[in-house]
Amino acid sequence: MERRIGGRRPTPGLEVQWTVPRSTRWKRRQVDEVVEVVDVSPSGIAVVASTVPDLPVRSVVPIRFDRYATRAIVRRIEPTDSPERSRYGLQFLDPAPDLIDALRSFSGAVPREQLEALWRRST
């Protein structure tokens, strides 16, 4: 069952940075990585990244894009055609509206201001 607030929109060429745990031979550390955003919705993003064995569902990861930063919770992890890469479904935790607007602008979505203007005119 789809419980999404708004529809998913593809975002070709969009990348964000996340910080994830990576294990080395002797220790585990947090590593910043650039990941490909596959699609965006008002409530989150789907990214394709190198598989992170130490990142289970319900983990919280920092996300950065341009001048914006937020946190997201991992809601699902799906395999891809490549065993070294996975698709991660991330739900935003209290993102700034400007961050969502900036991400959605890459998808060709109508800006929030235009949607709000349409809504005000219809009521």
N, C-alpha and C. Protein backbone atom coordinates (compact mmCIF):
# COMPACT_ATOMS: atom_id res chain seq x y z
N MET A 1 0.84 -1.18 0.00
CA MET A 1 0.00 0.00 0.00
C MET A 1 0.89 1.25 0.00
N GLU A 2 0.61 2.15 -0.88
CA GLU A 2 1.36 3.40 -1.01
C GLU A 2 0.80 4.42 -0.03
N ARG A 3 1.63 4.90 0.92
CA ARG A 3 1.19 5.87 1.91
C ARG A 3 1.92 7.19 1.77
N ARG A 4 2.45 7.45 0.63
CA ARG A 4 3.25 8.64 0.36
C ARG A 4 2.38 9.89 0.34
N ILE A 5 2.91 11.00 0.88
CA ILE A 5 2.20 12.28 0.88
C ILE A 5 2.04 12.81 -0.54
N GLY A 6 3.09 12.72 -1.33
CA GLY A 6 3.05 13.19 -2.72
C GLY A 6 3.76 12.19 -3.60
N GLY A 7 3.56 12.28 -4.89
CA GLY A 7 4.13 11.33 -5.82
C GLY A 7 5.64 11.42 -5.94
N ARG A 8 6.25 10.32 -6.33
CA ARG A 8 7.68 10.29 -6.60
C ARG A 8 7.95 10.92 -7.96
N ARG A 9 9.04 11.64 -8.06
CA ARG A 9 9.44 12.27 -9.32
C ARG A 9 10.90 11.92 -9.58
N PRO A 10 11.22 11.47 -10.79
CA PRO A 10 12.62 11.14 -11.11
C PRO A 10 13.51 12.38 -11.08
N THR A 11 14.77 12.18 -10.72
CA THR A 11 15.71 13.29 -10.60
C THR A 11 17.03 12.94 -11.30
N PRO A 12 17.03 12.90 -12.62
CA PRO A 12 18.25 12.52 -13.33
C PRO A 12 19.40 13.49 -13.05
N GLY A 13 20.56 12.92 -12.73
CA GLY A 13 21.76 13.72 -12.51
C GLY A 13 21.89 14.36 -11.14
N LEU A 14 20.94 14.14 -10.25
CA LEU A 14 20.99 14.76 -8.92
C LEU A 14 21.80 13.89 -7.96
N GLU A 15 22.67 14.53 -7.19
CA GLU A 15 23.46 13.83 -6.18
C GLU A 15 23.36 14.59 -4.85
N VAL A 16 23.39 13.83 -3.76
CA VAL A 16 23.45 14.39 -2.41
C VAL A 16 24.59 13.70 -1.68
N GLN A 17 24.91 14.23 -0.51
CA GLN A 17 25.94 13.60 0.31
C GLN A 17 25.27 13.02 1.55
N TRP A 18 25.67 11.81 1.92
CA TRP A 18 25.21 11.24 3.17
C TRP A 18 26.41 10.78 3.97
N THR A 19 26.23 10.58 5.26
CA THR A 19 27.28 10.09 6.14
C THR A 19 26.84 8.74 6.67
N VAL A 20 27.64 7.70 6.38
CA VAL A 20 27.27 6.33 6.73
C VAL A 20 28.43 5.62 7.42
N PRO A 21 28.10 4.57 8.20
CA PRO A 21 29.17 3.82 8.86
C PRO A 21 29.85 2.86 7.88
N ARG A 22 31.16 2.87 7.89
CA ARG A 22 31.95 1.94 7.09
C ARG A 22 32.95 1.26 8.03
N SER A 23 33.07 -0.04 7.87
CA SER A 23 34.01 -0.80 8.69
C SER A 23 35.30 -1.05 7.92
N THR A 24 36.40 -0.81 8.61
CA THR A 24 37.70 -1.18 8.08
C THR A 24 38.16 -2.42 8.85
N ARG A 25 39.33 -2.82 8.57
CA ARG A 25 39.82 -4.02 9.25
C ARG A 25 39.85 -3.86 10.76
N TRP A 26 40.17 -2.67 11.22
CA TRP A 26 40.37 -2.47 12.66
C TRP A 26 39.29 -1.66 13.36
N LYS A 27 38.53 -0.88 12.62
CA LYS A 27 37.53 -0.04 13.30
C LYS A 27 36.40 0.33 12.36
N ARG A 28 35.38 0.89 12.95
CA ARG A 28 34.23 1.39 12.20
C ARG A 28 34.23 2.91 12.32
N ARG A 29 34.00 3.60 11.19
CA ARG A 29 34.00 5.06 11.23
C ARG A 29 32.91 5.60 10.32
N GLN A 30 32.54 6.84 10.55
CA GLN A 30 31.54 7.53 9.74
C GLN A 30 32.23 8.13 8.51
N VAL A 31 31.66 7.89 7.33
CA VAL A 31 32.28 8.33 6.08
C VAL A 31 31.26 9.14 5.28
N ASP A 32 31.70 10.28 4.74
CA ASP A 32 30.86 11.08 3.84
C ASP A 32 30.97 10.50 2.44
N GLU A 33 29.82 10.28 1.78
CA GLU A 33 29.80 9.73 0.43
C GLU A 33 28.78 10.49 -0.41
N VAL A 34 29.10 10.66 -1.68
CA VAL A 34 28.16 11.24 -2.63
C VAL A 34 27.36 10.11 -3.24
N VAL A 35 26.02 10.25 -3.23
CA VAL A 35 25.14 9.20 -3.74
C VAL A 35 24.19 9.78 -4.78
N GLU A 36 23.73 8.91 -5.66
CA GLU A 36 22.82 9.29 -6.74
C GLU A 36 21.37 9.26 -6.26
N VAL A 37 20.65 10.36 -6.44
CA VAL A 37 19.24 10.41 -6.09
C VAL A 37 18.44 9.91 -7.29
N VAL A 38 17.63 8.88 -7.08
CA VAL A 38 16.84 8.28 -8.15
C VAL A 38 15.51 9.01 -8.31
N ASP A 39 14.87 9.28 -7.18
CA ASP A 39 13.62 10.03 -7.21
C ASP A 39 13.41 10.76 -5.90
N VAL A 40 12.48 11.71 -5.94
CA VAL A 40 12.20 12.55 -4.78
C VAL A 40 10.69 12.67 -4.62
N SER A 41 10.25 12.77 -3.38
CA SER A 41 8.86 13.05 -3.05
C SER A 41 8.89 14.08 -1.93
N PRO A 42 7.75 14.64 -1.56
CA PRO A 42 7.75 15.61 -0.45
C PRO A 42 8.23 15.01 0.88
N SER A 43 8.17 13.69 1.01
CA SER A 43 8.54 13.08 2.29
C SER A 43 9.89 12.39 2.28
N GLY A 44 10.56 12.27 1.12
CA GLY A 44 11.85 11.61 1.12
C GLY A 44 12.46 11.44 -0.25
N ILE A 45 13.53 10.67 -0.27
CA ILE A 45 14.24 10.40 -1.52
C ILE A 45 14.61 8.92 -1.59
N ALA A 46 14.84 8.45 -2.80
CA ALA A 46 15.43 7.14 -3.02
C ALA A 46 16.80 7.38 -3.62
N VAL A 47 17.81 6.70 -3.09
CA VAL A 47 19.17 6.85 -3.59
C VAL A 47 19.73 5.49 -3.95
N VAL A 48 20.67 5.50 -4.89
CA VAL A 48 21.45 4.30 -5.21
C VAL A 48 22.87 4.59 -4.78
N ALA A 49 23.43 3.66 -4.00
CA ALA A 49 24.76 3.88 -3.43
C ALA A 49 25.46 2.54 -3.26
N SER A 50 26.76 2.62 -3.00
CA SER A 50 27.48 1.41 -2.64
C SER A 50 26.81 0.82 -1.41
N THR A 51 26.61 -0.49 -1.42
CA THR A 51 25.93 -1.16 -0.30
C THR A 51 26.68 -0.89 1.00
N VAL A 52 25.91 -0.57 2.04
CA VAL A 52 26.47 -0.29 3.36
C VAL A 52 25.99 -1.39 4.30
N PRO A 53 26.82 -2.42 4.55
CA PRO A 53 26.38 -3.54 5.39
C PRO A 53 25.96 -3.12 6.81
N ASP A 54 26.58 -2.05 7.33
CA ASP A 54 26.29 -1.60 8.70
C ASP A 54 25.18 -0.55 8.77
N LEU A 55 24.33 -0.50 7.74
CA LEU A 55 23.24 0.48 7.69
C LEU A 55 21.91 -0.24 7.53
N PRO A 56 21.31 -0.70 8.63
CA PRO A 56 20.04 -1.41 8.52
C PRO A 56 18.84 -0.47 8.41
N VAL A 57 17.70 -1.03 8.07
CA VAL A 57 16.45 -0.28 8.08
C VAL A 57 16.26 0.30 9.48
N ARG A 58 15.72 1.50 9.55
CA ARG A 58 15.48 2.30 10.76
C ARG A 58 16.71 3.06 11.23
N SER A 59 17.82 2.98 10.51
CA SER A 59 18.99 3.80 10.83
C SER A 59 18.71 5.24 10.42
N VAL A 60 19.32 6.18 11.10
CA VAL A 60 19.19 7.60 10.77
C VAL A 60 20.52 8.05 10.17
N VAL A 61 20.42 8.74 9.02
CA VAL A 61 21.63 9.22 8.34
C VAL A 61 21.51 10.72 8.05
N PRO A 62 22.62 11.45 8.21
CA PRO A 62 22.63 12.86 7.81
C PRO A 62 22.67 12.96 6.29
N ILE A 63 21.93 13.92 5.75
CA ILE A 63 21.88 14.19 4.31
C ILE A 63 22.24 15.66 4.09
N ARG A 64 23.07 15.92 3.09
CA ARG A 64 23.41 17.29 2.74
C ARG A 64 23.24 17.50 1.24
N PHE A 65 22.67 18.65 0.90
CA PHE A 65 22.51 19.05 -0.49
C PHE A 65 22.66 20.56 -0.57
N ASP A 66 23.63 21.00 -1.36
CA ASP A 66 23.89 22.41 -1.50
C ASP A 66 24.14 23.01 -0.12
N ARG A 67 23.36 23.98 0.30
CA ARG A 67 23.56 24.59 1.62
C ARG A 67 22.63 24.01 2.68
N TYR A 68 21.89 22.97 2.32
CA TYR A 68 20.90 22.39 3.23
C TYR A 68 21.40 21.11 3.87
N ALA A 69 20.92 20.87 5.07
CA ALA A 69 21.25 19.63 5.78
C ALA A 69 20.01 19.16 6.53
N THR A 70 19.82 17.86 6.57
CA THR A 70 18.72 17.27 7.33
C THR A 70 19.13 15.86 7.71
N ARG A 71 18.25 15.18 8.37
CA ARG A 71 18.45 13.76 8.68
C ARG A 71 17.33 12.98 8.02
N ALA A 72 17.63 11.72 7.73
CA ALA A 72 16.62 10.85 7.13
C ALA A 72 16.72 9.47 7.76
N ILE A 73 15.59 8.78 7.80
CA ILE A 73 15.56 7.43 8.33
C ILE A 73 15.46 6.45 7.16
N VAL A 74 16.24 5.38 7.24
CA VAL A 74 16.20 4.36 6.19
C VAL A 74 14.91 3.55 6.36
N ARG A 75 14.05 3.59 5.36
CA ARG A 75 12.77 2.88 5.41
C ARG A 75 12.80 1.55 4.66
N ARG A 76 13.65 1.47 3.62
CA ARG A 76 13.76 0.20 2.89
C ARG A 76 15.11 0.15 2.19
N ILE A 77 15.56 -1.08 1.96
CA ILE A 77 16.79 -1.34 1.23
C ILE A 77 16.48 -2.42 0.20
N GLU A 78 16.79 -2.12 -1.05
CA GLU A 78 16.50 -3.06 -2.13
C GLU A 78 17.76 -3.34 -2.92
N PRO A 79 17.94 -4.57 -3.39
CA PRO A 79 19.10 -4.86 -4.23
C PRO A 79 18.95 -4.22 -5.60
N THR A 80 20.06 -4.02 -6.28
CA THR A 80 20.07 -3.54 -7.65
C THR A 80 20.66 -4.64 -8.53
N ASP A 81 20.84 -4.34 -9.79
CA ASP A 81 21.46 -5.31 -10.70
C ASP A 81 22.91 -5.59 -10.34
N SER A 82 23.52 -4.66 -9.65
CA SER A 82 24.91 -4.81 -9.22
C SER A 82 24.95 -5.23 -7.75
N PRO A 83 25.64 -6.31 -7.41
CA PRO A 83 25.67 -6.74 -6.00
C PRO A 83 26.38 -5.76 -5.07
N GLU A 84 27.19 -4.86 -5.64
CA GLU A 84 27.90 -3.90 -4.80
C GLU A 84 27.08 -2.65 -4.50
N ARG A 85 25.91 -2.53 -5.14
CA ARG A 85 25.10 -1.33 -4.97
C ARG A 85 23.69 -1.70 -4.51
N SER A 86 23.08 -0.80 -3.74
CA SER A 86 21.71 -0.99 -3.25
C SER A 86 20.92 0.29 -3.44
N ARG A 87 19.60 0.13 -3.45
CA ARG A 87 18.68 1.27 -3.50
C ARG A 87 18.13 1.46 -2.10
N TYR A 88 18.25 2.68 -1.59
CA TYR A 88 17.81 3.00 -0.23
C TYR A 88 16.64 3.96 -0.30
N GLY A 89 15.55 3.63 0.37
CA GLY A 89 14.42 4.52 0.52
C GLY A 89 14.58 5.28 1.82
N LEU A 90 14.69 6.61 1.74
CA LEU A 90 14.95 7.45 2.91
C LEU A 90 13.79 8.41 3.15
N GLN A 91 13.32 8.46 4.38
CA GLN A 91 12.26 9.39 4.76
C GLN A 91 12.88 10.53 5.55
N PHE A 92 12.59 11.76 5.12
CA PHE A 92 13.14 12.93 5.80
C PHE A 92 12.61 13.02 7.23
N LEU A 93 13.47 13.51 8.11
CA LEU A 93 13.08 13.82 9.48
C LEU A 93 13.17 15.34 9.65
N ASP A 94 12.04 16.02 9.61
CA ASP A 94 11.96 17.46 9.82
C ASP A 94 12.85 18.27 8.88
N PRO A 95 12.68 18.11 7.56
CA PRO A 95 13.50 18.89 6.63
C PRO A 95 12.96 20.32 6.48
N ALA A 96 13.83 21.22 6.09
CA ALA A 96 13.41 22.58 5.78
C ALA A 96 12.62 22.54 4.47
N PRO A 97 11.50 23.27 4.38
CA PRO A 97 10.75 23.30 3.13
C PRO A 97 11.60 23.71 1.93
N ASP A 98 12.59 24.59 2.15
CA ASP A 98 13.46 25.00 1.06
C ASP A 98 14.30 23.85 0.53
N LEU A 99 14.66 22.92 1.39
CA LEU A 99 15.41 21.73 0.94
C LEU A 99 14.54 20.89 0.01
N ILE A 100 13.32 20.64 0.40
CA ILE A 100 12.42 19.85 -0.43
C ILE A 100 12.19 20.55 -1.77
N ASP A 101 11.99 21.86 -1.73
CA ASP A 101 11.81 22.62 -2.97
C ASP A 101 13.04 22.49 -3.86
N ALA A 102 14.23 22.60 -3.27
CA ALA A 102 15.46 22.52 -4.05
C ALA A 102 15.61 21.15 -4.70
N LEU A 103 15.33 20.09 -3.96
CA LEU A 103 15.43 18.75 -4.51
C LEU A 103 14.38 18.51 -5.59
N ARG A 104 13.15 18.95 -5.32
CA ARG A 104 12.08 18.74 -6.30
C ARG A 104 12.28 19.57 -7.57
N SER A 105 13.02 20.66 -7.48
CA SER A 105 13.25 21.48 -8.68
C SER A 105 14.01 20.69 -9.74
N PHE A 106 14.79 19.71 -9.33
CA PHE A 106 15.51 18.86 -10.29
C PHE A 106 14.59 17.90 -11.02
N SER A 107 13.39 17.72 -10.52
CA SER A 107 12.46 16.76 -11.12
C SER A 107 11.47 17.43 -12.06
N GLY A 108 11.53 18.74 -12.17
CA GLY A 108 10.57 19.46 -12.99
C GLY A 108 9.24 19.66 -12.29
N ALA A 109 9.19 19.44 -10.99
CA ALA A 109 7.95 19.61 -10.23
C ALA A 109 7.56 21.08 -10.16
N VAL A 110 6.29 21.33 -10.04
CA VAL A 110 5.78 22.69 -9.88
C VAL A 110 6.25 23.23 -8.52
N PRO A 111 6.81 24.43 -8.47
CA PRO A 111 7.26 24.99 -7.20
C PRO A 111 6.12 25.11 -6.19
N ARG A 112 6.48 24.99 -4.93
CA ARG A 112 5.50 25.02 -3.83
C ARG A 112 4.67 26.31 -3.85
N GLU A 113 5.29 27.44 -4.17
CA GLU A 113 4.57 28.71 -4.19
C GLU A 113 3.43 28.69 -5.21
N GLN A 114 3.67 28.10 -6.38
CA GLN A 114 2.63 28.01 -7.40
C GLN A 114 1.50 27.09 -6.95
N LEU A 115 1.85 25.98 -6.30
CA LEU A 115 0.82 25.07 -5.80
C LEU A 115 -0.03 25.76 -4.73
N GLU A 116 0.62 26.50 -3.83
CA GLU A 116 -0.12 27.20 -2.79
C GLU A 116 -1.03 28.28 -3.39
N ALA A 117 -0.55 28.97 -4.42
CA ALA A 117 -1.38 29.99 -5.08
C ALA A 117 -2.60 29.36 -5.73
N LEU A 118 -2.41 28.23 -6.39
CA LEU A 118 -3.54 27.51 -6.97
C LEU A 118 -4.54 27.08 -5.92
N TRP A 119 -4.03 26.60 -4.78
CA TRP A 119 -4.90 26.18 -3.70
C TRP A 119 -5.71 27.35 -3.15
N ARG A 120 -5.06 28.50 -2.94
CA ARG A 120 -5.76 29.67 -2.41
C ARG A 120 -6.84 30.14 -3.36
N ARG A 121 -6.57 30.10 -4.67
CA ARG A 121 -7.56 30.53 -5.64
C ARG A 121 -8.76 29.57 -5.70
N SER A 122 -8.54 28.30 -5.39
CA SER A 122 -9.62 27.32 -5.50
C SER A 122 -10.54 27.34 -4.28
N THR A 123 -10.12 27.95 -3.19
CA THR A 123 -10.94 27.95 -1.97
C THR A 123 -11.75 29.20 -1.84
